[in-house]
């Protein structure tokens, strides 16, 4: 997932760093992936891990999870964690990440 500041109007680096720290410190986040028609799926609660400037989540159901399929087809959604609510973009991590 990209930094939680992406998709917001002209975020400052300090604001992005603060938001990233808050989300990274949270044990869980709620992710709402976007459907093909642009509506958001119901939120799915999952663990989140921060590594540098990136956030990582993992699908319990693997590639069969509806939220995962949504992020792979639309690459967009919304995350809520640590008092931060942001539009997010999702990409598949490479197998040698972390």
N, C-alpha and C. Protein backbone atom coordinates (compact mmCIF):
# COMPACT_ATOMS: atom_id res chain seq x y z
N UNK A 1 0.85 -1.16 0.00
CA UNK A 1 0.00 0.00 0.00
C UNK A 1 0.89 1.22 0.00
N UNK A 2 0.42 2.25 -0.60
CA UNK A 2 1.22 3.46 -0.60
C UNK A 2 1.03 4.21 0.70
N UNK A 3 1.82 5.24 0.87
CA UNK A 3 1.69 6.09 2.04
C UNK A 3 0.25 6.55 2.18
N UNK A 4 -0.29 6.62 3.40
CA UNK A 4 -1.67 7.01 3.57
C UNK A 4 -1.96 8.44 3.16
N UNK A 5 -0.96 9.22 2.83
CA UNK A 5 -1.20 10.59 2.39
C UNK A 5 -1.47 10.68 0.90
N UNK A 6 -1.12 9.66 0.16
CA UNK A 6 -1.35 9.71 -1.28
C UNK A 6 -2.83 9.83 -1.55
N UNK A 7 -3.16 10.59 -2.57
CA UNK A 7 -4.56 10.77 -2.93
C UNK A 7 -5.20 11.94 -2.22
N UNK A 8 -4.48 12.63 -1.37
CA UNK A 8 -5.02 13.81 -0.72
C UNK A 8 -4.46 15.04 -1.40
N UNK A 9 -5.13 16.15 -1.27
CA UNK A 9 -4.72 17.38 -1.93
C UNK A 9 -3.47 17.95 -1.28
N UNK A 10 -2.39 18.01 -2.04
CA UNK A 10 -1.13 18.65 -1.66
C UNK A 10 -0.71 18.37 -0.21
N UNK A 11 -0.51 17.11 0.15
CA UNK A 11 -0.06 16.83 1.52
C UNK A 11 1.37 17.30 1.72
N UNK A 12 1.68 17.72 2.92
CA UNK A 12 3.05 18.09 3.23
C UNK A 12 3.80 16.84 3.67
N UNK A 13 5.11 16.86 3.54
CA UNK A 13 5.91 15.70 3.96
C UNK A 13 5.72 15.44 5.46
N UNK A 14 5.65 16.51 6.26
CA UNK A 14 5.47 16.34 7.70
C UNK A 14 4.14 15.65 8.00
N UNK A 15 3.09 16.05 7.28
CA UNK A 15 1.78 15.43 7.50
C UNK A 15 1.81 13.97 7.09
N UNK A 16 2.44 13.67 5.98
CA UNK A 16 2.56 12.27 5.54
C UNK A 16 3.32 11.44 6.56
N UNK A 17 4.43 11.99 7.06
CA UNK A 17 5.23 11.27 8.05
C UNK A 17 4.42 11.01 9.32
N UNK A 18 3.64 12.01 9.75
CA UNK A 18 2.82 11.87 10.94
C UNK A 18 1.74 10.81 10.73
N UNK A 19 1.05 10.88 9.59
CA UNK A 19 0.01 9.89 9.29
C UNK A 19 0.59 8.49 9.17
N UNK A 20 1.72 8.37 8.50
CA UNK A 20 2.36 7.07 8.33
C UNK A 20 2.76 6.49 9.69
N UNK A 21 3.27 7.34 10.58
CA UNK A 21 3.64 6.88 11.92
C UNK A 21 2.41 6.41 12.69
N UNK A 22 1.29 7.13 12.59
CA UNK A 22 0.07 6.75 13.30
C UNK A 22 -0.47 5.42 12.78
N UNK A 23 -0.54 5.27 11.46
CA UNK A 23 -1.06 4.03 10.89
C UNK A 23 -0.11 2.88 11.18
N UNK A 24 1.20 3.13 11.05
CA UNK A 24 2.19 2.09 11.31
C UNK A 24 2.20 1.63 12.76
N UNK A 25 1.83 2.51 13.68
CA UNK A 25 1.80 2.17 15.10
C UNK A 25 0.52 1.43 15.50
N UNK A 26 -0.49 1.53 14.66
CA UNK A 26 -1.75 0.84 14.95
C UNK A 26 -1.55 -0.66 14.77
N UNK A 27 -2.20 -1.45 15.57
CA UNK A 27 -2.10 -2.90 15.42
C UNK A 27 -2.93 -3.40 14.26
N UNK A 28 -4.01 -2.69 13.98
CA UNK A 28 -4.92 -3.10 12.92
C UNK A 28 -5.34 -1.90 12.10
N UNK A 29 -5.79 -2.18 10.89
CA UNK A 29 -6.41 -1.14 10.09
C UNK A 29 -7.66 -1.71 9.45
N UNK A 30 -8.57 -0.83 9.09
CA UNK A 30 -9.75 -1.21 8.32
C UNK A 30 -9.51 -0.79 6.90
N UNK A 31 -9.71 -1.71 5.97
CA UNK A 31 -9.50 -1.44 4.56
C UNK A 31 -10.81 -1.65 3.82
N UNK A 32 -11.20 -0.65 3.03
CA UNK A 32 -12.38 -0.75 2.17
C UNK A 32 -11.87 -0.71 0.74
N UNK A 33 -11.89 -1.84 0.05
CA UNK A 33 -11.43 -1.84 -1.34
C UNK A 33 -12.55 -1.34 -2.25
N UNK A 34 -12.15 -0.81 -3.39
CA UNK A 34 -13.11 -0.23 -4.32
C UNK A 34 -13.58 -1.28 -5.33
N UNK A 35 -14.89 -1.32 -5.53
CA UNK A 35 -15.47 -2.21 -6.53
C UNK A 35 -15.32 -1.59 -7.93
N UNK A 36 -15.61 -2.39 -8.95
CA UNK A 36 -15.52 -1.92 -10.33
C UNK A 36 -16.43 -0.72 -10.59
N UNK A 37 -17.56 -0.63 -9.87
CA UNK A 37 -18.48 0.50 -10.08
C UNK A 37 -18.11 1.73 -9.26
N UNK A 38 -16.98 1.65 -8.52
CA UNK A 38 -16.50 2.80 -7.75
C UNK A 38 -16.98 2.85 -6.32
N UNK A 39 -17.93 1.98 -5.94
CA UNK A 39 -18.38 1.96 -4.56
C UNK A 39 -17.38 1.18 -3.72
N UNK A 40 -17.40 1.42 -2.42
CA UNK A 40 -16.46 0.75 -1.52
C UNK A 40 -17.10 -0.48 -0.89
N UNK A 41 -16.30 -1.54 -0.76
CA UNK A 41 -16.75 -2.74 -0.05
C UNK A 41 -16.82 -2.43 1.44
N UNK A 42 -17.51 -3.29 2.18
CA UNK A 42 -17.52 -3.16 3.64
C UNK A 42 -16.10 -3.27 4.15
N UNK A 43 -15.77 -2.58 5.23
CA UNK A 43 -14.39 -2.62 5.73
C UNK A 43 -14.00 -4.01 6.23
N UNK A 44 -12.74 -4.34 6.01
CA UNK A 44 -12.15 -5.58 6.49
C UNK A 44 -11.04 -5.18 7.45
N UNK A 45 -11.08 -5.71 8.67
CA UNK A 45 -10.05 -5.41 9.66
C UNK A 45 -8.89 -6.38 9.47
N UNK A 46 -7.68 -5.84 9.46
CA UNK A 46 -6.49 -6.69 9.27
C UNK A 46 -5.30 -6.09 10.00
N UNK A 47 -4.30 -6.91 10.20
CA UNK A 47 -3.05 -6.43 10.78
C UNK A 47 -2.29 -5.63 9.74
N UNK A 48 -1.55 -4.65 10.22
CA UNK A 48 -0.74 -3.82 9.33
C UNK A 48 0.69 -3.80 9.86
N UNK A 49 1.65 -3.78 8.95
CA UNK A 49 3.07 -3.71 9.29
C UNK A 49 3.67 -2.57 8.49
N UNK A 50 4.46 -1.76 9.15
CA UNK A 50 5.16 -0.67 8.47
C UNK A 50 6.62 -1.07 8.27
N UNK A 51 7.12 -0.83 7.07
CA UNK A 51 8.54 -1.02 6.75
C UNK A 51 8.96 0.21 5.95
N UNK A 52 9.71 1.08 6.59
CA UNK A 52 10.12 2.32 5.93
C UNK A 52 8.91 3.19 5.63
N UNK A 53 8.75 3.59 4.37
CA UNK A 53 7.64 4.44 3.97
C UNK A 53 6.47 3.65 3.40
N UNK A 54 6.42 2.35 3.67
CA UNK A 54 5.36 1.51 3.11
C UNK A 54 4.61 0.78 4.21
N UNK A 55 3.35 0.49 3.93
CA UNK A 55 2.51 -0.30 4.81
C UNK A 55 2.20 -1.61 4.10
N UNK A 56 2.22 -2.71 4.85
CA UNK A 56 1.95 -4.02 4.28
C UNK A 56 0.82 -4.69 5.04
N UNK A 57 -0.09 -5.31 4.30
CA UNK A 57 -1.16 -6.12 4.86
C UNK A 57 -1.15 -7.44 4.11
N UNK A 58 -1.80 -8.44 4.69
CA UNK A 58 -1.83 -9.76 4.06
C UNK A 58 -3.24 -10.31 4.11
N UNK A 59 -3.66 -10.91 3.03
CA UNK A 59 -4.99 -11.48 2.94
C UNK A 59 -5.03 -12.85 3.62
N UNK A 60 -5.90 -13.01 4.62
CA UNK A 60 -6.05 -14.29 5.30
C UNK A 60 -6.53 -15.35 4.31
N UNK A 61 -7.40 -14.96 3.40
CA UNK A 61 -7.95 -15.90 2.41
C UNK A 61 -7.12 -15.95 1.14
N UNK A 62 -5.92 -15.39 1.18
CA UNK A 62 -5.07 -15.37 -0.01
C UNK A 62 -5.71 -14.58 -1.13
N UNK A 63 -5.50 -15.01 -2.34
CA UNK A 63 -6.02 -14.28 -3.49
C UNK A 63 -7.53 -14.44 -3.66
N UNK A 64 -8.17 -15.30 -2.85
CA UNK A 64 -9.62 -15.50 -2.93
C UNK A 64 -10.40 -14.46 -2.13
N UNK A 65 -9.72 -13.68 -1.29
CA UNK A 65 -10.41 -12.68 -0.48
C UNK A 65 -11.01 -11.58 -1.34
N UNK A 66 -12.28 -11.23 -1.14
CA UNK A 66 -12.90 -10.19 -1.96
C UNK A 66 -12.16 -8.85 -1.90
N UNK A 67 -11.67 -8.45 -0.72
CA UNK A 67 -10.96 -7.18 -0.64
C UNK A 67 -9.67 -7.25 -1.45
N UNK A 68 -9.01 -8.40 -1.44
CA UNK A 68 -7.76 -8.56 -2.20
C UNK A 68 -8.04 -8.46 -3.70
N UNK A 69 -9.07 -9.15 -4.15
CA UNK A 69 -9.42 -9.08 -5.57
C UNK A 69 -9.75 -7.65 -5.95
N UNK A 70 -10.44 -6.93 -5.06
CA UNK A 70 -10.78 -5.54 -5.33
C UNK A 70 -9.55 -4.66 -5.48
N UNK A 71 -8.58 -4.86 -4.62
CA UNK A 71 -7.37 -4.03 -4.73
C UNK A 71 -6.55 -4.39 -5.94
N UNK A 72 -6.62 -5.63 -6.39
CA UNK A 72 -5.86 -6.04 -7.57
C UNK A 72 -6.49 -5.54 -8.85
N UNK A 73 -7.80 -5.41 -8.89
CA UNK A 73 -8.45 -4.93 -10.11
C UNK A 73 -8.54 -3.41 -10.15
N UNK A 74 -8.76 -2.77 -9.02
CA UNK A 74 -8.95 -1.31 -8.99
C UNK A 74 -7.73 -0.57 -8.40
N UNK A 75 -6.95 -1.24 -7.57
CA UNK A 75 -5.77 -0.65 -6.93
C UNK A 75 -6.10 0.58 -6.08
N UNK A 76 -7.33 0.67 -5.61
CA UNK A 76 -7.74 1.81 -4.81
C UNK A 76 -8.66 1.37 -3.69
N UNK A 77 -8.72 2.21 -2.68
CA UNK A 77 -9.61 1.96 -1.56
C UNK A 77 -9.41 3.03 -0.51
N UNK A 78 -9.79 2.69 0.69
CA UNK A 78 -9.64 3.63 1.80
C UNK A 78 -9.18 2.85 3.01
N UNK A 79 -8.27 3.43 3.80
CA UNK A 79 -7.83 2.82 5.04
C UNK A 79 -8.18 3.73 6.20
N UNK A 80 -8.45 3.11 7.33
CA UNK A 80 -8.72 3.83 8.58
C UNK A 80 -7.93 3.13 9.66
N UNK A 81 -7.05 3.89 10.33
CA UNK A 81 -6.25 3.32 11.42
C UNK A 81 -5.56 4.44 12.19
N UNK A 82 -5.42 4.27 13.46
CA UNK A 82 -4.68 5.23 14.27
C UNK A 82 -5.22 6.64 14.19
N UNK A 83 -6.53 6.78 13.97
CA UNK A 83 -7.13 8.10 13.85
C UNK A 83 -6.94 8.74 12.48
N UNK A 84 -6.40 8.00 11.53
CA UNK A 84 -6.15 8.49 10.17
C UNK A 84 -7.12 7.82 9.22
N UNK A 85 -7.71 8.59 8.33
CA UNK A 85 -8.61 8.07 7.30
C UNK A 85 -8.10 8.61 5.97
N UNK A 86 -7.66 7.72 5.08
CA UNK A 86 -7.06 8.15 3.82
C UNK A 86 -7.43 7.24 2.67
N UNK A 87 -7.47 7.83 1.49
CA UNK A 87 -7.55 7.05 0.25
C UNK A 87 -6.20 6.36 0.10
N UNK A 88 -6.20 5.13 -0.37
CA UNK A 88 -4.95 4.40 -0.52
C UNK A 88 -4.90 3.73 -1.88
N UNK A 89 -3.70 3.38 -2.29
CA UNK A 89 -3.51 2.59 -3.49
C UNK A 89 -2.82 1.30 -3.08
N UNK A 90 -3.19 0.22 -3.73
CA UNK A 90 -2.62 -1.07 -3.38
C UNK A 90 -1.85 -1.67 -4.53
N UNK A 91 -0.72 -2.24 -4.21
CA UNK A 91 0.06 -2.99 -5.20
C UNK A 91 0.53 -4.28 -4.54
N UNK A 92 0.76 -5.26 -5.36
CA UNK A 92 1.23 -6.54 -4.84
C UNK A 92 2.72 -6.42 -4.51
N UNK A 93 3.09 -6.84 -3.30
CA UNK A 93 4.49 -6.81 -2.90
C UNK A 93 5.25 -7.92 -3.63
N UNK A 94 6.48 -7.67 -3.95
CA UNK A 94 7.28 -8.71 -4.59
C UNK A 94 7.62 -9.78 -3.57
N UNK A 95 7.98 -10.95 -4.04
CA UNK A 95 8.26 -12.06 -3.13
C UNK A 95 9.52 -11.83 -2.31
N UNK A 96 10.38 -10.90 -2.73
CA UNK A 96 11.60 -10.63 -1.96
C UNK A 96 11.46 -9.39 -1.08
N UNK A 97 10.23 -8.90 -0.90
CA UNK A 97 10.00 -7.75 -0.03
C UNK A 97 10.02 -8.21 1.42
N UNK A 98 10.67 -7.43 2.27
CA UNK A 98 10.81 -7.73 3.71
C UNK A 98 11.54 -8.99 3.86
